[in-house]
Amino acid sequence: MPPTISTINPTQGPTTGGTTVTLTGTGMTGSTAVRFGSTNATSFTINSATQITAVSPPRAAGAAALTVVHPTGNSNSLTYTYVVAQVPVVTGVAPSNGPTSGGTGVTLTGTGFTGATAVAFAGTPATSYTVNSATQITAVTPAGSAGAAGVSVTTPGGTSAPDAFFFYAAPPVLTGVGPAQGPATGGVVVTLTGSDLLNASAVRFGSTNAASFTVVSATQITATAPPGTGSSPITVITPGGTSNPVAFTYVAAPTVTALAPTTGPTSAGTVVTLTGTNLATASAVTFGGTAVSFTVASDTQITAIAPAGPPGPVAVSVTTAGGSGSGPAYTRVAAPGI
């Protein structure tokens, strides 16, 4: 029985011919010709009993009945439309930027895309592309150099002018962070330094987005840490990709559980040992709000010099990268009168 055609793709092409058209249907084995109107295809290939690919011949603009010729009879016909080839024009690229490594899926908009035979970015062929319609192509960017790349489309009507651009972004690089520690409750503002940091879309502490961030320049970003625990390397994400990580550590708040001694004279100079937890990063020790000199002996012990002051109890506080913590009061005792 004669073959049948159920679909053809694409359904149109330029009058200059040269478009590869895929015919799907049944009974195609043994076909002897494929015709566009009364003109035989330039060439055709029988891929299987259900598929033939044929190259359209040149023909005047308008509709042509596409049929398959077979010893058992000709197939049904489907309409293939010839259109006058025109020089393509690219008017838009979205997204308009991506990494130099390539691999970004972009949508090109414009006119005259029918029968496109090539898509290029600064002269480098796209990794792949699909002609969706006369006004739209989807393509995957190849690797490229940082900067603007003119996007061109080639059809039988010619090659478009480089009027639209895709911007290749170099990958961001982080070289420093300060401070490199902060409280588990978050909130510390850190300054990140590096290169190619413009257009950052995210700053992450581990897998958690920063509470907020500001791109100061191509070499600096300030970011507010979210709550977290332990080691949480910081990365920056830009159109150029994800940066290398820089170390950031969350520090638990300090506690002061004991003082020895708990009392002393109103004069300065008593050495007081503070015992507690998370004391290693101590940056300040205060007695009643007065900062004193101190030595960090370990993560659980600090020695401090009590300051002079009036008789009575005062709060003892330790400040670290994890915050502040207070413990038992230190009491000054007046010397006995004579």
Foldseek 3Di string as FASTA:
>chain_A
DAWEWDDKPPQEAALQWFFKIKTFTAQQPQWDFKDFAPHTFPDKDDPDRTIIITTHHHDDFAWTWIWIHHPVGIYHTDIRGHDHQAAWAWDDKPPQEAALQWFDKIKTFTARQGQWDFKAWLNHTFPDKDDPDRTIIITTHHHHDAAWTFIWIQHPNGIYDSPGTHGHAAEWEWDDKPPQEAALQWFDKMKTFTARQPQWPFKFFANHTFPDKDCPDRTIIITTHHHDAAWGWIWIQHSNGIYDTDIHHHAYEKEWEDKVPQEEALAKFDKIKTFTAQQPQWDFKDWQNHTWDWDDPDRGIIITIDHHDDFAWTWIKTQGNNGMYTYDTRGHDYDDDD
